[in-house]
């Protein structure tokens, strides 16, 4: 099981702050593809992954990051500083 965490507008579109998912996805991109097949709200949230960032076990990662042994994947929009 992997904890999947959603932040900001990703959370708003999906309607959940987090969930536990049983998956055989090999990479973050595979997980996203799997989520998109679940319901339209996931497809809407992940329609443009270039507008998203991902963290794997609280470390910034990319969509090709392997999921073997991973406990948590978080999706969030890019942050701006000031």
C-alpha atoms as a PDB file:
ATOM      1  CA  UNK A   1       0.000   0.000   0.000  1.00  0.00           C
ATOM      2  CA  UNK A   2       1.160   3.499  -0.832  1.00  0.00           C
ATOM      3  CA  UNK A   3      -0.111   6.665   0.830  1.00  0.00           C
ATOM      4  CA  UNK A   4      -0.979   9.166  -1.882  1.00  0.00           C
ATOM      5  CA  UNK A   5      -1.229  12.779  -0.719  1.00  0.00           C
ATOM      6  CA  UNK A   6      -2.780  15.655  -2.669  1.00  0.00           C
ATOM      7  CA  UNK A   7      -2.146  19.355  -2.039  1.00  0.00           C
ATOM      8  CA  UNK A   8      -3.751  22.640  -3.148  1.00  0.00           C
ATOM      9  CA  UNK A   9      -5.832  22.488  -6.342  1.00  0.00           C
ATOM     10  CA  UNK A  10      -4.951  18.809  -6.843  1.00  0.00           C
ATOM     11  CA  UNK A  11      -6.736  18.047  -3.574  1.00  0.00           C
ATOM     12  CA  UNK A  12      -9.667  20.259  -4.591  1.00  0.00           C
ATOM     13  CA  UNK A  13     -10.134  18.490  -7.937  1.00  0.00           C
ATOM     14  CA  UNK A  14      -9.854  14.995  -6.480  1.00  0.00           C
ATOM     15  CA  UNK A  15     -11.821  15.814  -3.345  1.00  0.00           C
ATOM     16  CA  UNK A  16      -9.492  14.009  -0.942  1.00  0.00           C
ATOM     17  CA  UNK A  17      -6.435  15.133   1.007  1.00  0.00           C
ATOM     18  CA  UNK A  18      -4.943  11.603   0.991  1.00  0.00           C
ATOM     19  CA  UNK A  19      -5.726   7.971   0.376  1.00  0.00           C
ATOM     20  CA  UNK A  20      -4.076   4.572   0.560  1.00  0.00           C
ATOM     21  CA  UNK A  21      -3.719   2.802  -2.748  1.00  0.00           C
ATOM     22  CA  UNK A  22      -2.809  -0.762  -3.543  1.00  0.00           C
ATOM     23  CA  UNK A  23      -0.916  -0.607  -6.814  1.00  0.00           C
ATOM     24  CA  UNK A  24       1.438  -2.551  -9.017  1.00  0.00           C
ATOM     25  CA  UNK A  25       2.628   0.661 -10.728  1.00  0.00           C
ATOM     26  CA  UNK A  26       6.364   0.625 -11.394  1.00  0.00           C
ATOM     27  CA  UNK A  27       6.849   4.410 -11.562  1.00  0.00           C
ATOM     28  CA  UNK A  28       5.080   7.592 -10.518  1.00  0.00           C
ATOM     29  CA  UNK A  29       3.927   8.021 -14.143  1.00  0.00           C
ATOM     30  CA  UNK A  30       2.388   4.535 -14.054  1.00  0.00           C
ATOM     31  CA  UNK A  31       0.592   5.445 -10.824  1.00  0.00           C
ATOM     32  CA  UNK A  32      -0.797   8.607 -12.422  1.00  0.00           C
ATOM     33  CA  UNK A  33      -2.015   6.603 -15.436  1.00  0.00           C
ATOM     34  CA  UNK A  34      -3.682   4.121 -13.094  1.00  0.00           C
ATOM     35  CA  UNK A  35      -5.355   6.885 -11.082  1.00  0.00           C
ATOM     36  CA  UNK A  36      -6.652   8.554 -14.254  1.00  0.00           C
ATOM     37  CA  UNK A  37      -8.576   5.405 -15.157  1.00  0.00           C
ATOM     38  CA  UNK A  38     -10.433   5.442 -11.818  1.00  0.00           C
ATOM     39  CA  UNK A  39     -12.724   8.438 -12.238  1.00  0.00           C
ATOM     40  CA  UNK A  40     -13.024  11.665 -14.208  1.00  0.00           C
ATOM     41  CA  UNK A  41     -11.915  13.745 -11.198  1.00  0.00           C
ATOM     42  CA  UNK A  42      -8.491  12.065 -11.257  1.00  0.00           C
ATOM     43  CA  UNK A  43      -8.203  12.536 -15.016  1.00  0.00           C
ATOM     44  CA  UNK A  44      -9.006  16.241 -14.522  1.00  0.00           C
ATOM     45  CA  UNK A  45      -6.426  16.627 -11.732  1.00  0.00           C
ATOM     46  CA  UNK A  46      -3.675  14.939 -13.763  1.00  0.00           C
ATOM     47  CA  UNK A  47      -4.629  16.308 -17.206  1.00  0.00           C
ATOM     48  CA  UNK A  48      -1.428  18.357 -17.404  1.00  0.00           C
ATOM     49  CA  UNK A  49       1.354  16.780 -15.364  1.00  0.00           C
ATOM     50  CA  UNK A  50       3.731  19.530 -16.469  1.00  0.00           C
ATOM     51  CA  UNK A  51       1.766  21.708 -14.021  1.00  0.00           C
ATOM     52  CA  UNK A  52       2.530  19.308 -11.152  1.00  0.00           C
ATOM     53  CA  UNK A  53       5.412  18.411  -8.917  1.00  0.00           C
ATOM     54  CA  UNK A  54       5.829  15.133  -7.089  1.00  0.00           C
ATOM     55  CA  UNK A  55       7.569  14.042  -3.911  1.00  0.00           C
ATOM     56  CA  UNK A  56       8.378  10.424  -3.136  1.00  0.00           C
ATOM     57  CA  UNK A  57       8.844   9.680   0.562  1.00  0.00           C
ATOM     58  CA  UNK A  58       9.072  13.457   1.126  1.00  0.00           C
ATOM     59  CA  UNK A  59      11.900  13.961  -1.401  1.00  0.00           C
ATOM     60  CA  UNK A  60      11.341  15.948  -4.593  1.00  0.00           C
ATOM     61  CA  UNK A  61      11.232  13.483  -7.475  1.00  0.00           C
ATOM     62  CA  UNK A  62      10.123  13.163 -11.074  1.00  0.00           C
ATOM     63  CA  UNK A  63       7.449  11.111 -12.788  1.00  0.00           C
ATOM     64  CA  UNK A  64       9.906   8.390 -13.830  1.00  0.00           C
ATOM     65  CA  UNK A  65      10.889   7.675 -10.209  1.00  0.00           C
ATOM     66  CA  UNK A  66      10.455   3.970  -9.340  1.00  0.00           C
ATOM     67  CA  UNK A  67       7.904   3.085  -6.670  1.00  0.00           C
ATOM     68  CA  UNK A  68       9.573  -0.070  -5.324  1.00  0.00           C
ATOM     69  CA  UNK A  69       9.643   0.214  -1.530  1.00  0.00           C
ATOM     70  CA  UNK A  70       8.003   3.655  -1.524  1.00  0.00           C
ATOM     71  CA  UNK A  71       5.611   4.512   1.310  1.00  0.00           C
ATOM     72  CA  UNK A  72       4.287   7.910   0.200  1.00  0.00           C
ATOM     73  CA  UNK A  73       3.764   9.845  -3.031  1.00  0.00           C
ATOM     74  CA  UNK A  74       2.627  13.476  -2.858  1.00  0.00           C
ATOM     75  CA  UNK A  75       1.344  15.631  -5.713  1.00  0.00           C
ATOM     76  CA  UNK A  76       1.330  19.425  -5.582  1.00  0.00           C
ATOM     77  CA  UNK A  77       1.529  22.469  -7.860  1.00  0.00           C
ATOM     78  CA  UNK A  78       4.867  24.251  -8.269  1.00  0.00           C
ATOM     79  CA  UNK A  79       5.550  26.610  -5.397  1.00  0.00           C
ATOM     80  CA  UNK A  80       6.518  30.197  -5.886  1.00  0.00           C
ATOM     81  CA  UNK A  81       8.616  32.050  -3.388  1.00  0.00           C
ATOM     82  CA  UNK A  82       8.881  35.638  -2.490  1.00  0.00           C
END
